[in-house]
Protein backbone atom coordinates (compact mmCIF):
# COMPACT_ATOMS: atom_id res chain seq x y z
CA MET A 1 77.01 104.17 -111.09
CA THR A 2 79.53 101.38 -111.34
CA ALA A 3 82.31 100.80 -108.90
CA VAL A 4 84.98 102.58 -110.87
CA CYS A 5 82.89 105.52 -112.03
CA VAL A 6 83.87 107.72 -109.13
CA ALA A 7 81.09 109.39 -107.16
CA GLY A 8 80.95 113.16 -106.98
CA THR A 9 80.63 113.91 -103.27
CA LEU A 10 80.79 111.82 -100.14
CA GLY A 11 77.38 111.64 -98.52
CA CYS A 12 75.66 114.79 -97.30
CA LYS A 13 78.72 116.19 -95.53
CA LYS A 14 80.50 119.16 -97.06
CA MET A 15 83.25 117.36 -98.94
CA THR A 16 84.02 117.70 -102.61
CA GLU A 17 86.54 116.22 -104.99
CA SER A 18 88.32 119.55 -105.33
CA GLU A 19 90.50 118.10 -102.58
CA PRO A 20 92.02 114.61 -102.92
CA LEU A 21 89.82 112.18 -101.02
CA GLU A 22 92.71 110.79 -99.01
CA LEU A 23 93.49 114.28 -97.68
CA ILE A 24 89.96 114.95 -96.41
CA GLU A 25 89.69 114.56 -92.63
CA LYS A 26 89.71 110.84 -92.07
CA ASP A 27 86.95 110.81 -89.48
CA LEU A 28 84.55 112.11 -92.13
CA ILE A 29 85.40 109.23 -94.47
CA PHE A 30 85.98 106.47 -91.95
CA ASP A 31 83.02 107.34 -89.77
CA SER A 32 82.57 105.36 -86.54
CA LYS A 33 78.79 105.88 -86.84
CA ASP A 34 78.41 104.95 -90.51
CA SER A 35 77.11 101.37 -90.28
CA LEU A 36 76.64 101.23 -94.06
CA GLY A 37 80.14 102.49 -94.77
CA VAL A 38 78.86 104.87 -97.45
CA ASN A 39 81.78 107.26 -97.35
CA ALA A 40 84.38 104.54 -96.90
CA GLU A 41 83.06 102.71 -99.95
CA ARG A 42 83.24 105.87 -102.01
CA PHE A 43 86.86 106.21 -100.96
CA LEU A 44 87.42 102.64 -102.16
CA ASN A 45 85.63 103.44 -105.42
CA ASN A 46 87.98 106.36 -105.90
CA ILE A 47 90.92 103.93 -105.78
CA TYR A 48 89.28 101.95 -108.59
CA SER A 49 89.54 105.04 -110.79
CA GLY A 50 93.30 104.43 -110.81
CA LEU A 51 92.95 101.17 -112.74
CA PRO A 52 94.61 101.14 -116.19
CA ASN A 53 92.52 102.78 -118.90
CA GLY A 54 93.82 102.11 -122.38
CA PHE A 55 91.69 104.49 -124.43
CA ASN A 56 93.90 107.03 -126.24
CA ARG A 57 95.76 107.92 -123.09
CA ILE A 58 99.14 108.96 -124.53
CA SER A 59 99.07 112.12 -126.67
CA SER A 60 95.51 111.02 -127.59
CA ASN A 61 96.90 107.79 -129.05
CA MET A 62 96.55 104.17 -128.12
CA LEU A 63 99.73 102.75 -126.54
CA ASP A 64 100.14 100.46 -129.57
CA ALA A 65 101.11 103.55 -131.59
CA GLY A 66 104.49 103.11 -129.88
CA THR A 67 104.92 99.55 -131.21
CA ASP A 68 105.24 97.93 -134.62
CA ASP A 69 101.44 97.71 -134.79
CA ALA A 70 100.70 101.42 -135.27
CA ILE A 71 102.06 104.95 -135.45
CA PRO A 72 100.40 108.26 -134.52
CA ASN A 73 98.97 110.39 -137.31
CA ALA A 74 101.17 113.28 -136.13
CA ASN A 75 104.83 112.35 -136.28
CA GLY A 76 105.66 114.55 -133.28
CA ASP A 77 103.28 112.81 -130.88
CA ALA A 78 105.03 111.61 -127.74
CA VAL A 79 103.84 108.00 -128.03
CA GLN A 80 106.18 107.52 -130.99
CA TYR A 81 109.18 108.15 -128.74
CA PHE A 82 108.83 104.49 -127.77
CA SER A 83 109.56 103.45 -131.34
CA ASN A 84 112.10 106.11 -132.30
CA GLY A 85 114.23 106.23 -129.15
CA GLY A 86 113.02 109.61 -127.89
CA ILE A 87 112.42 108.75 -124.22
CA SER A 88 114.80 109.75 -121.42
CA PRO A 89 114.74 110.20 -117.62
CA THR A 90 113.43 113.74 -118.13
CA ASN A 91 110.98 112.67 -120.82
CA VAL A 92 109.35 109.48 -119.58
CA VAL A 93 106.35 108.86 -121.79
CA ASP A 94 103.66 106.85 -120.01
CA ASP A 95 105.07 107.97 -116.66
CA VAL A 96 102.61 106.39 -114.22
CA TRP A 97 105.11 106.16 -111.34
CA ALA A 98 103.49 108.89 -109.24
CA LYS A 99 99.95 107.80 -110.15
CA ASN A 100 100.49 104.24 -108.97
CA TYR A 101 102.29 105.18 -105.78
CA ALA A 102 99.44 107.61 -105.08
CA ASN A 103 97.04 104.71 -105.51
CA ILE A 104 99.16 102.54 -103.21
CA ARG A 105 99.02 105.31 -100.62
CA LYS A 106 95.22 105.46 -100.88
CA VAL A 107 95.03 101.71 -100.28
CA ASN A 108 97.27 102.03 -97.25
CA VAL A 109 95.11 104.84 -95.87
CA PHE A 110 92.02 102.70 -96.44
CA LEU A 111 93.48 99.61 -94.74
CA ALA A 112 94.75 101.67 -91.80
CA ASN A 113 91.34 103.22 -91.08
CA ILE A 114 88.55 100.92 -92.29
CA ASN A 115 88.35 99.00 -89.01
CA VAL A 116 86.74 102.00 -87.26
CA VAL A 117 83.72 101.76 -89.58
CA PRO A 118 81.03 99.57 -87.93
CA LEU A 119 79.74 97.79 -91.04
CA ASN A 120 76.59 95.83 -90.27
CA ILE A 121 76.87 93.41 -93.21
CA ALA A 122 78.77 90.27 -92.33
CA GLY A 123 81.93 89.76 -94.35
CA LEU A 124 81.71 93.08 -96.19
CA LYS A 125 84.68 94.69 -94.43
CA ASP A 126 86.91 91.71 -95.20
CA ARG A 127 85.85 91.87 -98.86
CA TRP A 128 86.59 95.58 -99.09
CA LYS A 129 90.02 95.01 -97.57
CA ALA A 130 90.64 92.22 -100.07
CA GLU A 131 89.60 94.43 -102.99
CA ALA A 132 91.93 97.17 -101.75
CA ARG A 133 94.83 94.74 -101.55
CA CYS A 134 94.16 93.60 -105.11
CA LEU A 135 94.13 97.22 -106.26
CA ARG A 136 97.48 97.71 -104.54
CA ALA A 137 98.79 94.55 -106.22
CA MET A 138 97.65 95.90 -109.59
CA SER A 139 99.47 99.19 -108.97
CA TYR A 140 102.69 97.36 -108.16
CA PHE A 141 102.30 95.22 -111.27
CA GLU A 142 101.85 98.34 -113.39
CA LEU A 143 105.11 99.64 -111.90
CA ILE A 144 107.26 96.52 -112.30
CA LYS A 145 106.28 95.85 -115.89
CA ARG A 146 107.68 99.28 -116.73
CA TRP A 147 110.63 99.69 -114.38
CA GLY A 148 111.51 96.24 -113.02
CA GLY A 149 112.08 96.16 -109.27
CA VAL A 150 110.58 99.13 -107.39
CA PRO A 151 110.42 100.10 -103.69
CA LEU A 152 107.94 98.04 -101.69
CA ILE A 153 106.51 100.18 -98.91
CA GLY A 154 104.17 97.69 -97.30
CA ASP A 155 101.35 99.33 -95.33
CA LYS A 156 103.26 102.51 -94.50
CA VAL A 157 101.48 105.83 -95.06
CA TYR A 158 104.00 108.60 -95.68
CA ASP A 159 103.19 112.13 -94.54
CA ALA A 160 102.93 114.75 -97.26
CA ASN A 161 106.15 116.49 -96.22
CA GLU A 162 108.10 113.39 -95.19
CA THR A 163 111.49 112.81 -96.79
CA ILE A 164 111.43 109.44 -98.50
CA THR A 165 114.63 107.42 -98.61
CA VAL A 166 113.81 103.90 -99.70
CA SER A 167 115.73 101.53 -101.93
CA ARG A 168 114.40 99.49 -104.81
CA ASN A 169 113.45 95.89 -104.17
CA THR A 170 114.37 93.28 -106.74
CA TYR A 171 111.94 92.29 -109.46
CA GLN A 172 111.49 88.84 -107.90
CA GLN A 173 110.82 90.34 -104.46
CA CYS A 174 108.11 92.49 -106.04
CA VAL A 175 106.60 89.47 -107.82
CA ASP A 176 106.57 87.52 -104.55
CA TYR A 177 104.90 90.41 -102.71
CA ILE A 178 102.19 90.87 -105.37
CA LEU A 179 101.58 87.13 -105.40
CA SER A 180 101.25 87.00 -101.61
CA GLU A 181 98.78 89.90 -101.65
CA LEU A 182 96.60 88.26 -104.30
CA ASN A 183 96.64 84.88 -102.56
CA ALA A 184 95.75 86.47 -99.22
CA ALA A 185 92.88 88.42 -100.74
CA MET A 186 91.24 85.66 -102.80
CA PRO A 187 89.29 83.86 -100.04
CA TYR A 188 87.42 87.06 -99.15
CA LEU A 189 86.46 88.18 -102.67
CA LEU A 190 83.23 87.57 -104.50
CA THR A 191 83.41 84.26 -106.32
CA ALA A 192 83.11 85.91 -109.72
CA ASN A 193 83.25 89.48 -110.93
CA GLY A 194 79.76 90.95 -110.98
CA SER A 195 78.14 88.03 -109.16
CA VAL A 196 76.68 87.81 -105.68
CA ASN A 197 75.64 84.32 -104.59
CA GLY A 198 75.73 83.24 -108.22
CA THR A 199 73.43 86.02 -109.43
CA PHE A 200 74.71 88.82 -111.65
CA ALA A 201 74.60 92.20 -109.94
CA ALA A 202 75.39 95.17 -112.18
CA ASN A 203 76.70 97.34 -109.34
CA TYR A 204 79.49 94.81 -108.66
CA TYR A 205 80.63 94.57 -112.28
CA GLY A 206 84.03 96.23 -112.54
CA ARG A 207 85.21 95.34 -109.05
CA PHE A 208 87.90 92.85 -108.13
CA GLY A 209 86.31 89.44 -107.77
CA ARG A 210 88.21 86.24 -107.16
CA GLY A 211 88.41 85.59 -110.88
CA ALA A 212 90.01 88.98 -111.50
CA ALA A 213 92.60 88.33 -108.79
CA MET A 214 93.35 84.93 -110.34
CA ALA A 215 93.62 86.51 -113.80
CA LEU A 216 96.11 89.09 -112.52
CA LYS A 217 98.09 86.25 -110.94
CA SER A 218 98.11 84.50 -114.32
CA ARG A 219 99.48 87.59 -116.06
CA LEU A 220 102.01 88.27 -113.29
CA LEU A 221 103.47 84.77 -113.45
CA LEU A 222 103.49 84.74 -117.26
CA TYR A 223 105.54 87.95 -117.31
CA ALA A 224 107.85 86.58 -114.60
CA ALA A 225 108.45 83.43 -116.69
CA SER A 226 109.17 85.31 -119.93
CA PRO A 227 112.67 85.80 -121.39
CA LEU A 228 113.05 89.38 -120.12
CA ASN A 229 112.61 88.28 -116.51
CA ASN A 230 113.64 84.63 -116.79
CA PRO A 231 116.88 84.68 -118.81
CA SER A 232 117.87 81.20 -117.65
CA ASN A 233 114.50 79.87 -118.87
CA THR A 234 113.65 78.15 -115.60
CA LEU A 235 110.85 75.79 -116.65
CA THR A 236 109.20 75.73 -113.24
CA LYS A 237 108.32 79.41 -113.75
CA TRP A 238 106.51 78.51 -116.96
CA ALA A 239 104.77 75.63 -115.18
CA ASP A 240 103.63 77.98 -112.41
CA ALA A 241 102.25 80.40 -115.00
CA ALA A 242 100.41 77.59 -116.78
CA ALA A 243 98.93 76.39 -113.49
CA ALA A 244 97.70 79.89 -112.63
CA ALA A 245 95.87 80.22 -115.95
CA LYS A 246 94.51 76.68 -115.76
CA ALA A 247 93.08 77.42 -112.30
CA VAL A 248 90.82 80.03 -113.91
CA MET A 249 89.89 77.66 -116.75
CA ASP A 250 89.12 74.84 -114.30
CA SER A 251 86.91 77.14 -112.25
CA VAL A 252 84.96 77.92 -115.41
CA THR A 253 84.61 74.20 -116.18
CA LEU A 254 83.32 73.58 -112.64
CA GLY A 255 80.80 76.41 -112.94
CA LYS A 256 82.42 78.57 -110.27
CA PHE A 257 83.01 81.36 -112.79
CA THR A 258 80.78 82.31 -115.68
CA TYR A 259 83.58 83.56 -117.91
CA LYS A 260 83.57 82.48 -121.54
CA LEU A 261 84.50 83.68 -124.99
CA ASN A 262 81.72 85.92 -126.26
CA ASP A 263 79.83 83.88 -128.84
CA ALA A 264 76.90 86.20 -129.54
CA ALA A 265 76.65 89.00 -132.10
CA THR A 266 74.98 91.24 -129.55
CA THR A 267 75.19 94.31 -131.79
CA ALA A 268 74.75 94.24 -135.57
CA HIS A 269 77.71 96.44 -136.43
CA TYR A 270 77.68 95.06 -139.97
CA THR A 271 75.22 93.38 -142.29
CA THR A 272 75.65 91.36 -145.46
CA THR A 273 74.96 94.59 -147.33
CA THR A 274 77.60 96.71 -145.60
CA LEU A 275 80.27 93.98 -145.74
CA ALA A 276 79.48 92.90 -149.29
CA GLY A 277 82.72 92.45 -151.21
CA VAL A 278 84.81 91.82 -148.09
CA ALA A 279 84.17 88.06 -148.12
CA PRO A 280 82.82 85.57 -150.69
CA SER A 281 79.06 85.76 -151.08
CA ALA A 282 78.67 82.06 -150.23
CA SER A 283 80.18 82.56 -146.76
CA LEU A 284 79.29 86.21 -146.23
CA SER A 285 76.50 85.67 -143.70
CA ALA A 286 78.68 83.60 -141.37
CA TYR A 287 81.55 86.03 -141.88
CA VAL A 288 79.40 88.99 -140.82
CA THR A 289 78.28 87.13 -137.71
CA ASN A 290 81.88 86.41 -136.75
CA VAL A 291 82.90 90.05 -137.22
CA ASN A 292 79.97 91.18 -135.10
CA LYS A 293 80.70 88.61 -132.37
CA PHE A 294 84.21 89.95 -131.98
CA LEU A 295 83.17 93.61 -132.02
CA SER A 296 80.43 92.92 -129.46
CA VAL A 297 83.09 92.05 -126.86
CA PHE A 298 84.14 95.70 -126.83
CA THR A 299 80.82 97.46 -127.33
CA THR A 300 78.65 95.62 -124.82
CA ASN A 301 78.52 97.33 -121.44
CA SER A 302 79.02 94.07 -119.57
CA ASN A 303 79.67 90.57 -120.82
CA ASN A 304 81.07 87.31 -119.53
CA GLU A 305 84.34 87.55 -121.45
CA ILE A 306 85.67 90.65 -119.72
CA ILE A 307 87.10 89.65 -116.36
CA LEU A 308 88.20 93.12 -115.24
CA PRO A 309 87.02 96.19 -117.14
CA TYR A 310 87.84 99.85 -116.84
CA MET A 311 84.39 101.38 -116.64
CA THR A 312 83.56 104.87 -117.87
CA THR A 313 80.42 106.93 -118.12
CA THR A 314 78.80 106.96 -121.56
CA ASN A 315 80.80 109.06 -123.99
CA SER A 316 81.84 109.48 -127.61
CA THR A 317 85.51 110.22 -126.97
CA VAL A 318 86.83 107.04 -128.59
CA GLU A 319 84.97 107.86 -131.80
CA ALA A 320 85.92 111.55 -131.74
CA ILE A 321 89.62 110.80 -131.45
CA ASN A 322 89.82 107.86 -133.86
CA ASP A 323 87.24 108.67 -136.54
CA PRO A 324 88.58 108.84 -140.11
CA VAL A 325 89.15 112.49 -140.97
CA GLY A 326 86.68 112.71 -143.84
CA TYR A 327 83.53 112.43 -141.74
CA THR A 328 81.87 115.80 -141.25
CA ARG A 329 81.55 115.38 -137.50
CA ALA A 330 85.28 114.74 -137.08
CA SER A 331 87.29 117.04 -134.81
CA SER A 332 90.85 118.17 -135.37
CA THR A 333 92.10 115.24 -133.32
CA SER A 334 90.40 112.55 -135.42
CA GLY A 335 92.17 109.55 -136.80
CA LYS A 336 94.96 109.58 -134.24
CA THR A 337 96.15 105.95 -134.14
CA ASN A 338 97.13 104.53 -137.55
CA PRO A 339 97.70 100.75 -137.81
CA THR A 340 100.79 99.68 -139.73
CA GLN A 341 101.12 97.36 -142.69
CA GLU A 342 103.07 95.06 -140.36
CA LEU A 343 99.91 94.49 -138.32
CA VAL A 344 97.69 94.26 -141.40
CA ASN A 345 99.93 91.56 -142.87
CA GLU A 346 99.59 89.52 -139.69
CA TYR A 347 95.90 88.76 -140.31
CA GLU A 348 95.53 85.41 -142.06
CA MET A 349 93.25 84.65 -144.94
CA SER A 350 90.01 82.95 -143.91
CA ASN A 351 91.49 79.60 -144.97
CA GLY A 352 94.10 79.92 -142.20
CA LYS A 353 97.06 80.72 -144.45
CA MET A 354 99.28 83.78 -144.01
CA ILE A 355 99.09 86.14 -146.98
CA GLY A 356 102.55 85.11 -148.20
CA GLU A 357 101.85 81.39 -148.13
CA SER A 358 101.29 79.42 -151.31
CA GLY A 359 97.57 78.83 -151.88
CA SER A 360 96.45 81.63 -149.58
CA GLY A 361 94.46 83.40 -152.28
CA TYR A 362 95.87 86.79 -151.35
CA THR A 363 96.37 89.42 -154.02
CA ILE A 364 97.62 92.99 -153.72
CA THR A 365 94.95 94.10 -156.18
CA ASN A 366 92.26 93.15 -153.66
CA PRO A 367 94.28 93.05 -150.42
CA TYR A 368 91.48 93.08 -147.86
CA PHE A 369 89.28 90.34 -149.28
CA ASN A 370 88.43 87.26 -147.22
CA ARG A 371 90.75 87.88 -144.28
CA ASP A 372 90.42 86.78 -140.63
CA PRO A 373 87.13 88.33 -139.40
CA ARG A 374 89.08 90.07 -136.64
CA PHE A 375 90.72 92.20 -139.33
CA PRO A 376 87.70 94.34 -140.34
CA ALA A 377 86.70 94.36 -136.66
CA THR A 378 90.05 95.92 -135.72
CA ILE A 379 91.30 98.07 -138.61
CA MET A 380 89.59 100.49 -140.99
CA PHE A 381 90.92 100.07 -144.52
CA ASP A 382 90.10 101.51 -147.90
CA GLY A 383 86.62 100.31 -148.85
CA LEU A 384 85.43 99.21 -145.39
CA TYR A 385 81.95 100.50 -144.63
CA TRP A 386 81.72 102.97 -141.75
CA LEU A 387 78.45 104.67 -140.74
CA ASN A 388 77.06 105.90 -144.07
CA ARG A 389 79.75 105.21 -146.67
CA LYS A 390 82.92 103.31 -147.43
CA VAL A 391 86.19 104.59 -146.02
CA GLN A 392 88.35 106.31 -148.65
CA THR A 393 92.08 106.20 -147.92
CA THR A 394 93.36 106.36 -151.48
CA ASP A 395 95.36 109.48 -152.36
CA GLY A 396 92.86 112.33 -152.58
CA GLY A 397 90.09 110.29 -150.99
CA LEU A 398 87.84 111.79 -148.34
CA ASP A 399 89.88 110.22 -145.54
CA ARG A 400 93.31 110.91 -147.06
CA PRO A 401 92.77 114.16 -148.92
CA PHE A 402 96.44 115.16 -149.26
CA GLY A 403 97.74 111.67 -149.91
CA TYR A 404 100.73 109.59 -148.96
CA GLY A 405 103.82 111.49 -147.83
CA ARG A 406 102.37 114.98 -148.22
CA VAL A 407 101.54 115.77 -144.58
CA THR A 408 102.97 114.96 -141.16
CA LYS A 409 99.71 115.23 -139.24
CA GLY A 410 95.95 115.50 -139.66
CA GLU A 411 95.27 112.35 -141.70
CA THR A 412 96.39 108.75 -141.75
CA ARG A 413 100.10 108.24 -142.33
CA THR A 414 99.70 104.54 -143.08
CA GLY A 415 96.48 104.31 -145.08
CA TYR A 416 94.63 102.77 -142.11
CA TYR A 417 92.54 103.89 -139.13
CA LEU A 418 91.49 102.17 -135.91
CA ARG A 419 88.17 100.26 -135.95
CA LYS A 420 88.22 98.32 -132.69
CA PHE A 421 86.21 99.83 -129.78
CA MET A 422 84.31 102.14 -132.16
CA THR A 423 80.54 101.99 -131.83
CA SER A 424 78.26 102.14 -134.84
CA ASN A 425 75.29 103.92 -133.29
CA SER A 426 76.32 107.46 -134.28
CA SER A 427 75.22 109.20 -137.45
CA ALA A 428 77.39 110.65 -140.18
CA THR A 429 76.98 114.13 -138.72
CA SER A 430 76.89 113.69 -134.95
CA TYR A 431 78.24 111.46 -132.20
CA ALA A 432 76.08 109.49 -129.80
CA ASN A 433 77.26 108.75 -126.28
CA TYR A 434 77.76 105.08 -125.61
CA PRO A 435 79.29 102.89 -122.90
CA HIS A 436 82.97 102.22 -123.58
CA VAL A 437 84.55 99.44 -121.55
CA PHE A 438 88.28 98.90 -121.80
CA PRO A 439 89.13 95.21 -121.21
CA ILE A 440 91.97 95.24 -118.68
CA MET A 441 91.72 91.44 -118.61
CA ARG A 442 89.43 89.08 -120.50
CA TYR A 443 88.97 85.35 -120.74
CA ALA A 444 90.65 85.09 -124.15
CA GLU A 445 93.87 86.18 -122.45
CA ILE A 446 93.60 83.39 -119.90
CA LEU A 447 93.42 80.82 -122.71
CA LEU A 448 96.43 82.26 -124.52
CA ASN A 449 98.37 82.74 -121.29
CA TYR A 450 97.85 79.06 -120.62
CA ALA A 451 98.78 78.04 -124.15
CA GLU A 452 102.01 80.03 -124.07
CA ALA A 453 103.12 78.89 -120.62
CA GLN A 454 102.18 75.23 -121.17
CA ASN A 455 103.95 75.16 -124.52
CA GLU A 456 107.12 76.51 -122.93
CA ALA A 457 106.85 74.18 -119.94
CA VAL A 458 106.10 70.87 -121.68
CA GLY A 459 105.60 71.53 -125.39
CA PRO A 460 102.55 71.67 -127.69
CA ASP A 461 100.28 69.07 -126.08
CA ASN A 462 96.56 68.77 -126.79
CA THR A 463 95.63 71.30 -124.13
CA VAL A 464 97.74 73.94 -125.89
CA TYR A 465 95.99 73.23 -129.19
CA ASN A 466 92.58 73.32 -127.52
CA ALA A 467 93.18 76.72 -125.94
CA VAL A 468 94.40 78.37 -129.15
CA ASN A 469 91.79 76.69 -131.33
CA ALA A 470 89.00 77.93 -129.05
CA ILE A 471 90.11 81.51 -129.71
CA ARG A 472 90.17 80.89 -133.45
CA ALA A 473 86.87 79.01 -133.55
CA ARG A 474 85.05 81.94 -131.95
CA VAL A 475 85.56 83.93 -135.17
CA GLY A 476 85.30 81.01 -137.57
CA MET A 477 89.02 80.56 -138.21
CA PRO A 478 90.25 76.99 -138.86
CA ASN A 479 92.16 74.98 -136.28
CA LEU A 480 95.92 75.08 -136.16
CA PRO A 481 97.69 72.40 -138.19
CA THR A 482 98.66 69.38 -136.13
CA GLY A 483 102.24 68.26 -135.56
CA LEU A 484 103.72 71.67 -134.76
CA THR A 485 107.05 71.78 -132.97
CA GLN A 486 107.42 73.80 -129.77
CA ALA A 487 109.09 76.63 -131.72
CA GLU A 488 106.36 76.58 -134.40
CA MET A 489 103.67 76.64 -131.73
CA ARG A 490 105.44 79.54 -130.01
CA THR A 491 105.24 81.49 -133.28
CA ARG A 492 101.55 80.65 -133.66
CA ILE A 493 100.70 81.70 -130.11
CA ARG A 494 102.52 85.00 -130.49
CA HIS A 495 100.69 85.58 -133.75
CA GLU A 496 97.35 84.81 -132.10
CA ARG A 497 98.02 87.26 -129.27
CA ARG A 498 98.89 89.96 -131.77
CA VAL A 499 95.69 89.76 -133.81
CA GLU A 500 93.38 88.95 -130.89
CA PHE A 501 94.60 91.71 -128.55
CA ALA A 502 95.53 94.48 -130.98
CA PHE A 503 95.18 97.89 -129.29
CA GLU A 504 94.46 96.36 -125.88
CA GLU A 505 97.92 97.27 -124.52
CA GLN A 506 99.22 93.73 -124.92
CA ARG A 507 101.62 94.01 -127.88
CA PHE A 508 103.63 96.80 -126.20
CA TRP A 509 104.47 94.56 -123.25
CA ASP A 510 104.67 91.32 -125.23
CA ILE A 511 107.52 92.49 -127.46
CA ARG A 512 109.41 93.55 -124.33
CA ARG A 513 108.89 90.45 -122.21
CA TRP A 514 109.74 88.26 -125.24
CA LYS A 515 112.80 90.48 -125.91
CA ILE A 516 111.94 90.87 -129.60
CA ALA A 517 111.47 94.65 -129.60
CA GLU A 518 115.03 95.09 -130.86
CA THR A 519 114.06 93.03 -133.92
CA VAL A 520 110.60 94.37 -134.73
CA LEU A 521 111.33 98.02 -133.88
CA ASN A 522 114.54 98.65 -135.78
CA GLY A 523 114.24 99.74 -139.40
CA LYS A 524 111.14 100.89 -141.23
CA LEU A 525 107.45 100.62 -140.39
CA HIS A 526 105.17 100.55 -143.38
CA GLY A 527 101.78 101.58 -144.70
CA ILE A 528 99.96 101.43 -148.01
CA GLN A 529 99.36 103.91 -150.81
CA GLY A 530 96.29 103.59 -152.98
CA VAL A 531 96.17 105.47 -156.28
CA VAL A 532 92.96 105.51 -158.29
CA SER A 533 93.35 105.15 -162.04
CA GLY A 534 89.99 105.13 -163.77
CA SER A 535 87.98 102.32 -162.19
CA THR A 536 91.08 100.62 -160.78
CA THR A 537 92.92 101.23 -157.52
CA ASN A 538 96.61 100.39 -157.51
CA TYR A 539 98.03 99.59 -154.07
CA THR A 540 101.71 99.88 -153.16
CA ILE A 541 103.41 99.12 -149.84
CA VAL A 542 105.30 102.24 -148.72
CA ASP A 543 107.52 103.43 -145.88
CA ALA A 544 105.60 105.16 -143.09
CA ALA A 545 108.05 105.76 -140.24
CA ASP A 546 111.53 104.95 -138.99
CA ALA A 547 111.83 102.72 -135.94
CA LYS A 548 114.65 102.55 -133.44
CA PHE A 549 114.96 100.47 -130.28
CA ASP A 550 118.11 100.39 -128.14
CA ALA A 551 118.26 96.92 -126.58
CA ASN A 552 120.92 98.09 -124.11
CA LYS A 553 118.41 100.11 -122.13
CA MET A 554 114.90 100.34 -123.61
CA TYR A 555 113.47 97.07 -122.30
CA LEU A 556 112.93 98.95 -119.04
CA PHE A 557 111.71 102.52 -118.64
CA PRO A 558 114.10 105.08 -117.17
CA ILE A 559 113.36 106.04 -113.58
CA PRO A 560 111.89 109.57 -113.75
CA PHE A 561 114.51 112.20 -112.95
CA ASN A 562 112.45 113.80 -110.19
CA GLU A 563 112.29 110.43 -108.38
CA LEU A 564 116.07 110.21 -108.43
CA VAL A 565 116.33 113.72 -107.00
CA SER A 566 113.69 113.29 -104.28
CA ASN A 567 114.81 109.81 -103.13
CA LYS A 568 118.56 109.62 -102.62
CA SER A 569 118.40 105.83 -102.32
CA MET A 570 116.88 105.44 -105.79
CA VAL A 571 119.07 103.80 -108.42
CA GLN A 572 118.56 104.40 -112.15
CA ASN A 573 117.93 101.53 -114.58
CA PRO A 574 120.97 100.38 -116.59
CA ASN A 575 122.35 102.67 -119.30
CA TRP A 576 119.89 105.49 -118.72
């Protein structure tokens, strides 16, 4: 059982999870005679269960279905309120306010009581405290990226019936607090996630190591330096963000951390037979390897690229929710998240050219041929092999039986389905349980965090090129052209983040911190219609959904109405 797969009961004493762990009598959890700290560690493990889990968590959709990258297959699903203006203080989609403050309370309970436990392993208590502080820092980060400044409550543990009257701190005060917590915790954490004295230990994988704390610091400072939170474009904030990312990279170079881009096709998701026709025959073998390398990041239970995972027990939920609808094992909720044509168009051709560039080789008659290997590893399109046959999303096909514009739920609304995270070990008629690890943070992000921050701080120097090119080289994409201006490099880095991190809950926050949501989420989102005529399929780009984003208020979530009522000192975000 990994750290964040929460245990069922606490020791042999009569305690069950029917009651919240933090409400169980504290002397049973923080036992003055428990030299191994068994119950206290299980309490800590329970806090880990509050880490962000990105698998289909909003109306069974990925969060990206509320961006320009995807829409839900049912046009009434709540996630689409993010892209059509449907959220309000009484309808806060992705409302994790209470969840994160509950997690903060658990940490405070843990820190207030752990000293009574007589742990007999030197340094273990300090490490547990450090992990708890990192978990609290993560909860605050999850709050401020949605709402801006929130109340900082320090180590206080509020009673269940206590009236809470506490004002919001500023965004910068929250950033400074999170940063101080991470810096204070780092010396006491394991050097690398999943490693004890340099040796990998499976039971530590998924816990906050020093590298995970440094990665969260990198993300925190990048967000703080971005246009949403740094309107004056203070360059020292970008320099601080670059330094935080480089500290992780330097630790890898020095051998302190074992993080790296996954460069092994651990699982053979595809073969030259199943991907025949997707790439030229002369380069097909290498292309297949690159697709499999990328997919293996997300279907390998533990690997050196994922810095902080959300761990789950083996399951088939991801497949059940996202499977194309024509497979006989599919449930009524299949095919939920539908990628848009906007995302599809973002994937370059294998020669490094965008599909609209002269000499790219792109043609609408064969639109999915010879694209960035991350494309077939991320999106299911018409003709991509899945399990025992090719996906059929033409009008009347097995996976789009009614066809474009004829239904509002139950099949793809864009002509595409999600591929990323899906395992290939099930049959055409039944699911097989498999480990699914959501990458909260991975090493590829550190490289692109560095590239973005360094480019903004000093411009596109060689270190910026090296970081971006490493991401591209992993999947066989050519290096960026030399001589890019700072603005051109900015565009390239944003592009790279979009295709590399699709459906990993990055795009949703990126378009907000860059303040481009008002541009990319106003107007129409598109899909594709395929119509079979004899032996030919004719493809047409079509409207899929309207998009609306109010820049006057939607860059921050509204404070939930019940928080305004229960805390008289709470102030609503502007224009909500």
